[in-house]
Amino acid sequence: MMALSEMFSQLCTKAVVLLALLLIQLMLLTKKLRSDTRPITTTQYLKLIERKNPTTCFTKRLRQEDAECRVCLSEFQEGEKVRNLKCKHTFHRDCLDKWLQQYWATCPLCRNQILPDDIVAKYREPQNQGGYIFSFWDLAE
């Protein structure tokens, strides 16, 4: 009986040590994940957009077919700042930047991705902490 009691005591001690080690590992992993997911400020977000899709000046000589911004529906004027996306759609810089700040980072027309999802999630993180953000997709469910 004494041997069984001693074995049970050793087993409990080993279980407590193992549990403590697992908790320490979990705390270290949580700390690492938090440091990797720091939120992105609006300024940083706009700089990333600029880096991926630089601003250019609209000229009618270069672009005959796509003569209006599909966000504000206004015709482009000579010298206005526009963004030409990789999907070949063109928008006023300010119109597109507002769109990208309010919605997921996709082209307003074809929905091609402009920025990776992880960057958008880091930008949206501070906005989500105040409460739930209602989206169009909530209506579809």
C-alpha atoms as a PDB file:
ATOM      1  CA  MET A   1       0.000   0.000   0.000  1.00  0.00           C
ATOM      2  CA  MET A   2       2.874   2.341   0.852  1.00  0.00           C
ATOM      3  CA  ALA A   3       4.485   1.766  -2.557  1.00  0.00           C
ATOM      4  CA  LEU A   4       1.246   2.616  -4.320  1.00  0.00           C
ATOM      5  CA  SER A   5       0.876   5.825  -2.300  1.00  0.00           C
ATOM      6  CA  GLU A   6       4.465   6.833  -3.056  1.00  0.00           C
ATOM      7  CA  MET A   7       4.013   6.136  -6.776  1.00  0.00           C
ATOM      8  CA  PHE A   8       0.806   8.231  -6.827  1.00  0.00           C
ATOM      9  CA  SER A   9       2.627  11.096  -5.092  1.00  0.00           C
ATOM     10  CA  GLN A  10       5.439  11.027  -7.671  1.00  0.00           C
ATOM     11  CA  LEU A  11       2.912  10.891 -10.492  1.00  0.00           C
ATOM     12  CA  CYS A  12       1.101  13.964  -9.102  1.00  0.00           C
ATOM     13  CA  THR A  13       4.403  15.854  -8.769  1.00  0.00           C
ATOM     14  CA  LYS A  14       5.348  15.055 -12.363  1.00  0.00           C
ATOM     15  CA  ALA A  15       1.903  16.110 -13.580  1.00  0.00           C
ATOM     16  CA  VAL A  16       2.177  19.464 -11.762  1.00  0.00           C
ATOM     17  CA  VAL A  17       5.644  20.102 -13.241  1.00  0.00           C
ATOM     18  CA  LEU A  18       4.434  19.173 -16.728  1.00  0.00           C
ATOM     19  CA  LEU A  19       1.402  21.429 -16.388  1.00  0.00           C
ATOM     20  CA  ALA A  20       3.621  24.323 -15.231  1.00  0.00           C
ATOM     21  CA  LEU A  21       5.887  23.847 -18.256  1.00  0.00           C
ATOM     22  CA  LEU A  22       2.903  23.807 -20.589  1.00  0.00           C
ATOM     23  CA  LEU A  23       1.551  27.019 -19.077  1.00  0.00           C
ATOM     24  CA  ILE A  24       4.923  28.728 -19.487  1.00  0.00           C
ATOM     25  CA  GLN A  25       5.072  27.643 -23.140  1.00  0.00           C
ATOM     26  CA  LEU A  26       1.533  28.909 -23.691  1.00  0.00           C
ATOM     27  CA  MET A  27       2.371  32.295 -22.145  1.00  0.00           C
ATOM     28  CA  LEU A  28       5.488  32.633 -24.328  1.00  0.00           C
ATOM     29  CA  LEU A  29       3.527  31.728 -27.446  1.00  0.00           C
ATOM     30  CA  THR A  30       0.766  34.225 -26.593  1.00  0.00           C
ATOM     31  CA  LYS A  31       3.308  36.984 -26.046  1.00  0.00           C
ATOM     32  CA  LYS A  32       4.937  36.238 -29.423  1.00  0.00           C
ATOM     33  CA  LEU A  33       1.592  36.282 -31.225  1.00  0.00           C
ATOM     34  CA  ARG A  34       0.641  39.614 -29.666  1.00  0.00           C
ATOM     35  CA  SER A  35       3.901  41.250 -30.734  1.00  0.00           C
ATOM     36  CA  ASP A  36       3.394  40.005 -34.331  1.00  0.00           C
ATOM     37  CA  THR A  37      -0.109  41.446 -34.638  1.00  0.00           C
ATOM     38  CA  ARG A  38       0.391  45.078 -33.708  1.00  0.00           C
ATOM     39  CA  PRO A  39      -2.283  47.244 -35.319  1.00  0.00           C
ATOM     40  CA  ILE A  40      -1.459  49.365 -38.346  1.00  0.00           C
ATOM     41  CA  THR A  41      -2.280  53.076 -38.222  1.00  0.00           C
ATOM     42  CA  THR A  42      -4.198  54.812 -41.006  1.00  0.00           C
ATOM     43  CA  THR A  43      -1.007  56.568 -42.098  1.00  0.00           C
ATOM     44  CA  GLN A  44       0.868  53.266 -42.346  1.00  0.00           C
ATOM     45  CA  TYR A  45      -2.070  51.710 -44.204  1.00  0.00           C
ATOM     46  CA  LEU A  46      -2.141  54.521 -46.772  1.00  0.00           C
ATOM     47  CA  LYS A  47       1.641  54.246 -47.240  1.00  0.00           C
ATOM     48  CA  LEU A  48       1.266  50.529 -47.977  1.00  0.00           C
ATOM     49  CA  ILE A  49      -1.417  51.319 -50.544  1.00  0.00           C
ATOM     50  CA  GLU A  50       0.836  53.969 -52.117  1.00  0.00           C
ATOM     51  CA  ARG A  51       3.756  51.540 -52.263  1.00  0.00           C
ATOM     52  CA  LYS A  52       1.662  48.846 -53.978  1.00  0.00           C
ATOM     53  CA  ASN A  53      -0.224  51.260 -56.280  1.00  0.00           C
ATOM     54  CA  PRO A  54       1.646  54.541 -56.747  1.00  0.00           C
ATOM     55  CA  THR A  55      -0.217  57.758 -57.510  1.00  0.00           C
ATOM     56  CA  THR A  56       0.047  59.101 -61.052  1.00  0.00           C
ATOM     57  CA  CYS A  57      -1.363  62.156 -62.826  1.00  0.00           C
ATOM     58  CA  PHE A  58      -4.178  61.551 -65.275  1.00  0.00           C
ATOM     59  CA  THR A  59      -3.562  62.546 -68.884  1.00  0.00           C
ATOM     60  CA  LYS A  60      -6.147  62.112 -71.619  1.00  0.00           C
ATOM     61  CA  ARG A  61      -3.421  61.245 -74.138  1.00  0.00           C
ATOM     62  CA  LEU A  62      -2.502  58.081 -72.255  1.00  0.00           C
ATOM     63  CA  ARG A  63      -5.975  56.896 -71.345  1.00  0.00           C
ATOM     64  CA  GLN A  64      -8.911  57.181 -73.747  1.00  0.00           C
ATOM     65  CA  GLU A  65     -11.215  54.305 -72.733  1.00  0.00           C
ATOM     66  CA  ASP A  66     -11.517  54.545 -68.925  1.00  0.00           C
ATOM     67  CA  ALA A  67     -12.478  58.217 -68.601  1.00  0.00           C
ATOM     68  CA  GLU A  68     -14.295  58.233 -65.265  1.00  0.00           C
ATOM     69  CA  CYS A  69     -13.768  57.193 -61.666  1.00  0.00           C
ATOM     70  CA  ARG A  70     -16.128  54.319 -60.866  1.00  0.00           C
ATOM     71  CA  VAL A  71     -16.304  55.295 -57.179  1.00  0.00           C
ATOM     72  CA  CYS A  72     -17.490  58.921 -57.519  1.00  0.00           C
ATOM     73  CA  LEU A  73     -18.643  58.583 -61.172  1.00  0.00           C
ATOM     74  CA  SER A  74     -16.886  61.832 -62.157  1.00  0.00           C
ATOM     75  CA  GLU A  75     -14.832  62.182 -65.309  1.00  0.00           C
ATOM     76  CA  PHE A  76     -11.091  62.425 -64.858  1.00  0.00           C
ATOM     77  CA  GLN A  77      -9.625  65.866 -65.442  1.00  0.00           C
ATOM     78  CA  GLU A  78      -6.153  66.518 -66.807  1.00  0.00           C
ATOM     79  CA  GLY A  79      -3.555  66.411 -64.017  1.00  0.00           C
ATOM     80  CA  GLU A  80      -5.775  64.805 -61.331  1.00  0.00           C
ATOM     81  CA  LYS A  81      -4.118  62.272 -59.042  1.00  0.00           C
ATOM     82  CA  VAL A  82      -5.250  58.747 -59.862  1.00  0.00           C
ATOM     83  CA  ARG A  83      -4.329  55.183 -58.971  1.00  0.00           C
ATOM     84  CA  ASN A  84      -3.981  52.541 -61.679  1.00  0.00           C
ATOM     85  CA  LEU A  85      -4.490  49.140 -60.112  1.00  0.00           C
ATOM     86  CA  LYS A  86      -2.898  45.921 -61.346  1.00  0.00           C
ATOM     87  CA  CYS A  87      -6.328  44.829 -62.578  1.00  0.00           C
ATOM     88  CA  LYS A  88      -6.168  47.836 -64.991  1.00  0.00           C
ATOM     89  CA  HIS A  89      -8.963  49.798 -63.250  1.00  0.00           C
ATOM     90  CA  THR A  90      -8.310  53.478 -62.547  1.00  0.00           C
ATOM     91  CA  PHE A  91      -9.780  55.645 -59.770  1.00  0.00           C
ATOM     92  CA  HIS A  92      -9.192  59.053 -58.206  1.00  0.00           C
ATOM     93  CA  ARG A  93      -6.561  58.555 -55.518  1.00  0.00           C
ATOM     94  CA  ASP A  94      -8.737  60.038 -52.761  1.00  0.00           C
ATOM     95  CA  CYS A  95     -11.843  58.082 -53.818  1.00  0.00           C
ATOM     96  CA  LEU A  96      -9.957  54.793 -53.858  1.00  0.00           C
ATOM     97  CA  ASP A  97      -8.176  55.500 -50.563  1.00  0.00           C
ATOM     98  CA  LYS A  98     -11.518  56.183 -48.836  1.00  0.00           C
ATOM     99  CA  TRP A  99     -12.941  52.999 -50.328  1.00  0.00           C
ATOM    100  CA  LEU A 100      -9.979  50.948 -49.121  1.00  0.00           C
ATOM    101  CA  GLN A 101     -10.261  52.390 -45.609  1.00  0.00           C
ATOM    102  CA  GLN A 102     -13.981  51.620 -45.349  1.00  0.00           C
ATOM    103  CA  TYR A 103     -14.099  48.220 -47.037  1.00  0.00           C
ATOM    104  CA  TRP A 104     -11.746  45.309 -47.469  1.00  0.00           C
ATOM    105  CA  ALA A 105      -8.737  46.101 -49.649  1.00  0.00           C
ATOM    106  CA  THR A 106     -10.195  45.087 -52.983  1.00  0.00           C
ATOM    107  CA  CYS A 107     -10.826  46.809 -56.285  1.00  0.00           C
ATOM    108  CA  PRO A 108     -14.305  48.395 -56.185  1.00  0.00           C
ATOM    109  CA  LEU A 109     -15.121  46.932 -59.613  1.00  0.00           C
ATOM    110  CA  CYS A 110     -13.622  43.462 -59.932  1.00  0.00           C
ATOM    111  CA  ARG A 111     -12.838  42.766 -56.240  1.00  0.00           C
ATOM    112  CA  ASN A 112      -9.246  41.761 -56.967  1.00  0.00           C
ATOM    113  CA  GLN A 113      -7.198  41.945 -53.806  1.00  0.00           C
ATOM    114  CA  ILE A 114      -5.031  45.065 -53.433  1.00  0.00           C
ATOM    115  CA  LEU A 115      -3.441  44.335 -50.038  1.00  0.00           C
ATOM    116  CA  PRO A 116      -2.999  40.991 -48.241  1.00  0.00           C
ATOM    117  CA  ASP A 117      -5.682  39.976 -45.727  1.00  0.00           C
ATOM    118  CA  ASP A 118      -3.257  39.987 -42.786  1.00  0.00           C
ATOM    119  CA  ILE A 119      -2.411  43.672 -43.360  1.00  0.00           C
ATOM    120  CA  VAL A 120      -6.085  44.596 -43.627  1.00  0.00           C
ATOM    121  CA  ALA A 121      -6.836  42.647 -40.430  1.00  0.00           C
ATOM    122  CA  LYS A 122      -4.078  44.516 -38.581  1.00  0.00           C
ATOM    123  CA  TYR A 123      -5.540  47.815 -39.803  1.00  0.00           C
ATOM    124  CA  ARG A 124      -9.086  46.837 -38.796  1.00  0.00           C
ATOM    125  CA  GLU A 125      -8.091  45.499 -35.345  1.00  0.00           C
ATOM    126  CA  PRO A 126      -8.437  48.794 -33.405  1.00  0.00           C
ATOM    127  CA  GLN A 127     -11.785  49.476 -35.106  1.00  0.00           C
ATOM    128  CA  ASN A 128     -13.157  46.087 -34.058  1.00  0.00           C
ATOM    129  CA  GLN A 129     -12.241  46.497 -30.405  1.00  0.00           C
ATOM    130  CA  GLY A 130     -14.926  49.133 -29.830  1.00  0.00           C
ATOM    131  CA  GLY A 131     -17.655  46.813 -31.024  1.00  0.00           C
ATOM    132  CA  TYR A 132     -18.866  44.780 -33.934  1.00  0.00           C
ATOM    133  CA  ILE A 133     -18.577  46.258 -37.420  1.00  0.00           C
ATOM    134  CA  PHE A 134     -21.667  45.513 -39.494  1.00  0.00           C
ATOM    135  CA  SER A 135     -20.917  44.369 -43.009  1.00  0.00           C
ATOM    136  CA  PHE A 136     -22.810  43.564 -46.171  1.00  0.00           C
ATOM    137  CA  TRP A 137     -21.972  39.883 -45.742  1.00  0.00           C
ATOM    138  CA  ASP A 138     -24.032  39.768 -42.527  1.00  0.00           C
ATOM    139  CA  LEU A 139     -27.148  40.310 -44.649  1.00  0.00           C
ATOM    140  CA  ALA A 140     -26.268  37.433 -46.956  1.00  0.00           C
ATOM    141  CA  GLU A 141     -26.273  34.836 -44.180  1.00  0.00           C
END
